[in-house]
């Protein structure tokens, strides 16, 4: 029989990694909700955000500033990651996707795959294919909650992810720009006739998803401490899986799909070797596509963003 303490610890681990998947998945689902395309370069945007945060923290540590002001350095790392990834997401939309907006649907997909490979190789040349190690600025402390043990940083990841998701929901539902996103997702031509700048809204959608992915990238770097130029591929594919599990185009579904996938992986390794966690993730994807292609919550058709 499995020890209940181990189960609870794995639940915490699952929620932690699931929060990461959810943040990345939101970028997929936002873009799909408006353009009906899958941005397969999104994992590389996540990777660039992680490296931008690493650059800030490494410079801060080398200069000695991080030793006295770790919180300021961490905030700066998140800001740098979000700025770099937001800019990169906007550039991708403008250069790789906007010219193909009226092309056959296969063309943007091929462009996205090409952009993904291009960005991987750009980062490989920058870091010379070397593994990079995130500076350890915060001491690892733990909280005992009954039989479960959770680190401060796990609390930070889960809490920050929930706040970012809540902010996104508020942004989409309550702000003028968010309402414009929903209008464009509903009917792009009608939104344009109503005076909405469709190109600007689509650009902001890419930037918003990229900013969330960057936050996830910095969290992953600080949590796992090691990053490389290929780090965006598997999390990107799993986040896409999470978006499909929840219902592609559905913001709430992307959040639920990410948490569900993280918990499934964490609990699945209790009954099978850890090497099989990828099998669990993609096995779930196959089952959902076969038995419920619209996802757990269903694809949003009338209000996709």
Protein backbone atom coordinates (compact mmCIF):
# COMPACT_ATOMS: atom_id res chain seq x y z
CA UNK A 1 0.00 0.00 0.00
CA UNK A 2 1.27 3.49 -0.92
CA UNK A 3 2.11 5.75 2.02
CA UNK A 4 -0.47 8.62 2.27
CA UNK A 5 2.37 11.08 2.88
CA UNK A 6 3.91 10.16 -0.47
CA UNK A 7 0.54 10.62 -2.18
CA UNK A 8 0.12 14.09 -0.66
CA UNK A 9 3.66 15.06 -1.62
CA UNK A 10 2.98 13.96 -5.19
CA UNK A 11 -0.26 15.94 -5.25
CA UNK A 12 1.75 19.04 -4.32
CA UNK A 13 4.33 18.21 -7.03
CA UNK A 14 1.52 17.68 -9.52
CA UNK A 15 -0.11 21.02 -8.71
CA UNK A 16 3.27 22.72 -9.06
CA UNK A 17 4.11 21.38 -12.51
CA UNK A 18 0.44 21.56 -13.51
CA UNK A 19 0.46 25.29 -12.79
CA UNK A 20 3.41 25.63 -15.18
CA UNK A 21 1.60 23.67 -17.88
CA UNK A 22 -1.51 25.81 -17.38
CA UNK A 23 0.37 29.09 -17.84
CA UNK A 24 1.94 27.87 -21.08
CA UNK A 25 -1.35 26.33 -22.28
CA UNK A 26 -3.11 29.68 -21.99
CA UNK A 27 -0.94 31.03 -24.81
CA UNK A 28 -1.99 28.18 -27.09
CA UNK A 29 -5.66 28.55 -26.29
CA UNK A 30 -5.73 32.35 -26.66
CA UNK A 31 -4.17 32.22 -30.12
CA UNK A 32 -6.35 29.31 -31.23
CA UNK A 33 -9.45 31.08 -29.96
CA UNK A 34 -8.86 33.99 -32.32
CA UNK A 35 -6.92 32.59 -35.29
CA UNK A 36 -7.73 28.84 -35.24
CA UNK A 37 -4.01 28.11 -35.43
CA UNK A 38 -1.55 26.37 -33.11
CA UNK A 39 1.56 28.42 -32.38
CA UNK A 40 4.10 25.59 -32.15
CA UNK A 41 6.86 28.14 -31.49
CA UNK A 42 5.23 28.91 -28.12
CA UNK A 43 7.53 26.49 -26.28
CA UNK A 44 10.54 28.42 -27.58
CA UNK A 45 9.01 31.69 -26.37
CA UNK A 46 8.80 30.03 -22.94
CA UNK A 47 12.48 29.04 -23.30
CA UNK A 48 13.59 32.56 -24.25
CA UNK A 49 11.80 33.96 -21.23
CA UNK A 50 13.63 31.53 -18.99
CA UNK A 51 17.01 32.52 -20.47
CA UNK A 52 16.23 36.23 -20.10
CA UNK A 53 15.48 35.69 -16.41
CA UNK A 54 18.67 33.64 -16.11
CA UNK A 55 20.73 36.47 -17.64
CA UNK A 56 19.40 38.97 -15.09
CA UNK A 57 19.93 36.68 -12.12
CA UNK A 58 23.42 35.66 -13.28
CA UNK A 59 24.50 39.27 -13.72
CA UNK A 60 23.02 40.20 -10.34
CA UNK A 61 24.79 37.32 -8.63
CA UNK A 62 28.12 38.06 -10.29
CA UNK A 63 27.95 41.73 -9.27
CA UNK A 64 27.05 40.85 -5.68
CA UNK A 65 23.76 42.80 -5.81
CA UNK A 66 21.66 39.64 -5.52
CA UNK A 67 23.15 38.72 -2.16
CA UNK A 68 21.69 41.84 -0.54
CA UNK A 69 18.54 42.27 -2.64
CA UNK A 70 17.33 38.82 -3.77
CA UNK A 71 13.65 39.80 -4.03
CA UNK A 72 14.41 42.79 -6.27
CA UNK A 73 16.55 40.57 -8.51
CA UNK A 74 13.83 37.95 -8.80
CA UNK A 75 11.23 40.58 -9.72
CA UNK A 76 13.67 41.99 -12.29
CA UNK A 77 14.19 38.48 -13.71
CA UNK A 78 10.45 38.03 -14.20
CA UNK A 79 10.16 41.51 -15.75
CA UNK A 80 13.04 40.81 -18.15
CA UNK A 81 11.64 37.41 -19.14
CA UNK A 82 8.19 38.85 -19.77
CA UNK A 83 9.61 41.76 -21.78
CA UNK A 84 11.78 39.54 -23.99
CA UNK A 85 9.10 36.92 -24.58
CA UNK A 86 6.39 39.54 -25.14
CA UNK A 87 8.55 41.25 -27.76
CA UNK A 88 9.42 37.91 -29.35
CA UNK A 89 5.78 36.84 -29.48
CA UNK A 90 4.85 40.14 -31.12
CA UNK A 91 7.65 39.80 -33.68
CA UNK A 92 6.59 36.25 -34.54
CA UNK A 93 3.02 37.36 -35.11
CA UNK A 94 4.11 40.28 -37.28
CA UNK A 95 6.76 38.46 -39.32
CA UNK A 96 5.82 34.76 -39.40
CA UNK A 97 2.03 34.67 -39.07
CA UNK A 98 0.36 37.91 -40.20
CA UNK A 99 1.50 37.61 -43.85
CA UNK A 100 -0.04 34.10 -43.90
CA UNK A 101 -3.35 34.99 -42.28
CA UNK A 102 -5.33 34.45 -45.48
CA UNK A 103 -3.23 31.52 -46.67
CA UNK A 104 -4.36 27.88 -46.38
CA UNK A 105 -4.39 26.70 -42.77
CA UNK A 106 -1.41 24.44 -43.32
CA UNK A 107 0.87 27.40 -44.15
CA UNK A 108 0.84 29.05 -40.69
CA UNK A 109 1.40 25.63 -39.12
CA UNK A 110 4.51 25.05 -41.22
CA UNK A 111 5.66 28.59 -40.44
CA UNK A 112 5.22 27.94 -36.71
CA UNK A 113 7.29 24.76 -36.86
CA UNK A 114 9.99 26.60 -38.82
CA UNK A 115 9.99 29.44 -36.27
CA UNK A 116 10.33 26.89 -33.47
CA UNK A 117 13.39 25.26 -35.06
CA UNK A 118 14.89 28.66 -35.88
CA UNK A 119 14.55 29.93 -32.29
CA UNK A 120 16.01 26.71 -30.87
CA UNK A 121 19.07 27.09 -33.06
CA UNK A 122 19.45 30.80 -32.31
CA UNK A 123 19.60 30.06 -28.59
CA UNK A 124 21.92 27.11 -29.21
CA UNK A 125 24.38 29.43 -30.94
CA UNK A 126 24.08 32.03 -28.19
CA UNK A 127 24.81 29.61 -25.34
CA UNK A 128 26.94 27.24 -27.47
CA UNK A 129 24.62 24.33 -26.59
CA UNK A 130 25.75 24.40 -22.97
CA UNK A 131 23.57 23.67 -19.98
CA UNK A 132 23.00 26.77 -17.86
CA UNK A 133 22.48 26.71 -14.09
CA UNK A 134 20.17 29.22 -12.43
CA UNK A 135 21.69 31.06 -9.44
CA UNK A 136 20.27 29.85 -6.13
CA UNK A 137 19.13 33.07 -4.47
CA UNK A 138 16.56 31.80 -2.00
CA UNK A 139 17.23 29.17 0.68
CA UNK A 140 14.96 26.17 0.38
CA UNK A 141 12.51 26.09 3.29
CA UNK A 142 9.57 23.78 3.83
CA UNK A 143 6.14 23.97 5.40
CA UNK A 144 4.57 21.00 7.13
CA UNK A 145 0.84 20.81 6.41
CA UNK A 146 -0.34 17.71 8.21
CA UNK A 147 1.48 14.77 6.67
CA UNK A 148 2.40 16.75 3.55
CA UNK A 149 5.58 18.76 3.00
CA UNK A 150 5.58 21.72 0.66
CA UNK A 151 8.43 24.10 -0.09
CA UNK A 152 8.08 27.86 -0.04
CA UNK A 153 8.94 27.96 -3.72
CA UNK A 154 6.17 25.48 -4.58
CA UNK A 155 3.75 27.73 -2.75
CA UNK A 156 5.14 30.66 -4.73
CA UNK A 157 4.71 28.86 -8.08
CA UNK A 158 1.17 27.69 -7.37
CA UNK A 159 0.10 31.02 -5.87
CA UNK A 160 1.69 33.13 -8.62
CA UNK A 161 0.17 30.95 -11.33
CA UNK A 162 -3.30 31.27 -9.80
CA UNK A 163 -2.89 35.06 -9.57
CA UNK A 164 -1.75 35.31 -13.19
CA UNK A 165 -4.65 33.14 -14.36
CA UNK A 166 -7.12 35.21 -12.32
CA UNK A 167 -5.64 38.39 -13.80
CA UNK A 168 -6.04 36.97 -17.31
CA UNK A 169 -9.70 36.10 -16.67
CA UNK A 170 -10.31 39.61 -15.31
CA UNK A 171 -8.46 41.13 -18.28
CA UNK A 172 -10.53 39.19 -20.82
CA UNK A 173 -13.90 39.69 -19.13
CA UNK A 174 -13.70 43.22 -17.74
CA UNK A 175 -11.30 45.36 -19.77
CA UNK A 176 -11.98 47.08 -23.06
CA UNK A 177 -9.10 45.23 -24.73
CA UNK A 178 -10.34 41.90 -23.39
CA UNK A 179 -13.81 42.56 -24.76
CA UNK A 180 -12.21 43.41 -28.09
CA UNK A 181 -10.40 40.04 -28.00
CA UNK A 182 -13.71 38.26 -27.43
CA UNK A 183 -15.33 40.22 -30.24
CA UNK A 184 -12.55 39.32 -32.67
CA UNK A 185 -12.77 35.68 -31.59
CA UNK A 186 -16.52 35.76 -32.20
CA UNK A 187 -16.45 37.34 -35.66
CA UNK A 188 -13.32 39.01 -36.99
CA UNK A 189 -15.05 40.78 -39.89
CA UNK A 190 -17.90 42.11 -37.78
CA UNK A 191 -15.45 43.32 -35.15
CA UNK A 192 -13.51 45.19 -37.82
CA UNK A 193 -16.72 46.84 -39.06
CA UNK A 194 -17.43 47.96 -35.49
CA UNK A 195 -14.15 49.88 -35.42
CA UNK A 196 -11.95 47.34 -33.62
CA UNK A 197 -8.34 47.23 -34.83
CA UNK A 198 -8.15 43.47 -35.50
CA UNK A 199 -4.40 43.45 -36.19
CA UNK A 200 -3.71 45.20 -32.88
CA UNK A 201 -5.94 42.79 -30.95
CA UNK A 202 -4.27 39.75 -32.48
CA UNK A 203 -0.84 41.22 -31.72
CA UNK A 204 -1.85 41.82 -28.10
CA UNK A 205 -3.14 38.25 -27.88
CA UNK A 206 0.26 36.88 -28.90
CA UNK A 207 2.03 39.24 -26.49
CA UNK A 208 -0.27 38.28 -23.59
CA UNK A 209 0.24 34.56 -24.11
CA UNK A 210 3.99 35.08 -24.44
CA UNK A 211 4.17 37.03 -21.17
CA UNK A 212 2.44 34.19 -19.32
CA UNK A 213 4.82 31.67 -20.90
CA UNK A 214 7.80 33.79 -19.81
CA UNK A 215 6.60 33.77 -16.21
CA UNK A 216 6.40 29.98 -16.42
CA UNK A 217 9.91 29.86 -17.93
CA UNK A 218 11.48 31.80 -15.05
CA UNK A 219 9.61 29.63 -12.53
CA UNK A 220 10.89 26.46 -14.20
CA UNK A 221 14.44 27.77 -14.20
CA UNK A 222 14.34 28.64 -10.51
CA UNK A 223 12.57 25.39 -9.60
CA UNK A 224 14.68 22.90 -11.58
CA UNK A 225 17.81 25.15 -11.63
CA UNK A 226 19.01 23.87 -15.03
CA UNK A 227 17.98 25.15 -18.46
CA UNK A 228 19.05 24.52 -22.05
CA UNK A 229 18.07 25.53 -25.57
CA UNK A 230 15.80 22.49 -25.97
CA UNK A 231 13.89 23.03 -22.73
CA UNK A 232 10.82 24.45 -24.47
CA UNK A 233 10.00 21.43 -26.62
CA UNK A 234 8.54 18.93 -24.12
CA UNK A 235 6.78 21.50 -21.86
CA UNK A 236 5.39 23.13 -25.00
CA UNK A 237 3.97 19.87 -26.31
CA UNK A 238 2.58 18.99 -22.88
CA UNK A 239 1.01 22.42 -22.52
CA UNK A 240 -0.62 21.92 -25.91
CA UNK A 241 -1.83 18.57 -24.60
CA UNK A 242 -3.23 20.34 -21.54
CA UNK A 243 -5.05 22.85 -23.75
CA UNK A 244 -6.60 20.02 -25.76
CA UNK A 245 -7.51 18.12 -22.59
CA UNK A 246 -9.36 21.11 -21.19
CA UNK A 247 -10.90 22.16 -24.50
CA UNK A 248 -8.80 24.10 -26.99
CA UNK A 249 -9.93 27.72 -27.17
CA UNK A 250 -11.36 27.58 -23.65
CA UNK A 251 -9.40 29.65 -21.11
CA UNK A 252 -10.83 27.85 -18.07
CA UNK A 253 -10.24 24.55 -19.87
CA UNK A 254 -6.55 25.36 -20.39
CA UNK A 255 -6.15 25.99 -16.65
CA UNK A 256 -8.02 22.82 -15.71
CA UNK A 257 -6.17 20.78 -18.35
CA UNK A 258 -2.79 21.93 -17.07
CA UNK A 259 -3.57 21.06 -13.45
CA UNK A 260 -5.15 17.76 -14.46
CA UNK A 261 -2.14 16.77 -16.56
CA UNK A 262 0.31 17.72 -13.80
CA UNK A 263 -1.60 15.66 -11.22
CA UNK A 264 -1.92 12.72 -13.62
CA UNK A 265 1.85 12.67 -14.20
CA UNK A 266 2.71 13.05 -10.51
CA UNK A 267 0.31 10.37 -9.30
CA UNK A 268 0.96 8.09 -12.24
CA UNK A 269 4.61 7.62 -11.26
CA UNK A 270 3.42 6.06 -7.99
CA UNK A 271 2.26 2.99 -9.89
CA UNK A 272 4.77 2.93 -12.76
CA UNK A 273 8.39 4.00 -13.35
CA UNK A 274 9.05 7.75 -13.56
CA UNK A 275 10.28 7.32 -17.14
CA UNK A 276 6.68 6.68 -18.17
CA UNK A 277 5.32 10.11 -17.19
CA UNK A 278 5.45 11.23 -20.83
CA UNK A 279 3.52 8.10 -21.78
CA UNK A 280 0.84 9.11 -19.26
CA UNK A 281 0.57 12.62 -20.70
CA UNK A 282 0.30 11.62 -24.34
CA UNK A 283 -1.80 8.56 -23.51
CA UNK A 284 -4.33 10.91 -21.92
CA UNK A 285 -4.24 13.05 -25.05
CA UNK A 286 -5.07 10.05 -27.25
CA UNK A 287 -7.92 8.97 -24.96
CA UNK A 288 -9.42 12.44 -24.91
CA UNK A 289 -9.15 12.83 -28.69
CA UNK A 290 -10.82 9.45 -29.19
CA UNK A 291 -13.61 9.66 -26.60
CA UNK A 292 -14.10 13.42 -26.07
CA UNK A 293 -12.46 15.40 -28.88
CA UNK A 294 -13.86 18.69 -27.55
CA UNK A 295 -11.97 18.29 -24.26
CA UNK A 296 -13.10 18.15 -20.63
CA UNK A 297 -14.95 21.49 -20.69
CA UNK A 298 -15.47 21.53 -24.42
CA UNK A 299 -14.11 23.83 -27.09
CA UNK A 300 -15.69 27.26 -26.84
CA UNK A 301 -17.38 27.95 -30.16
CA UNK A 302 -19.35 31.16 -29.63
CA UNK A 303 -16.90 32.86 -27.25
CA UNK A 304 -13.48 31.34 -27.78
CA UNK A 305 -11.22 33.83 -26.02
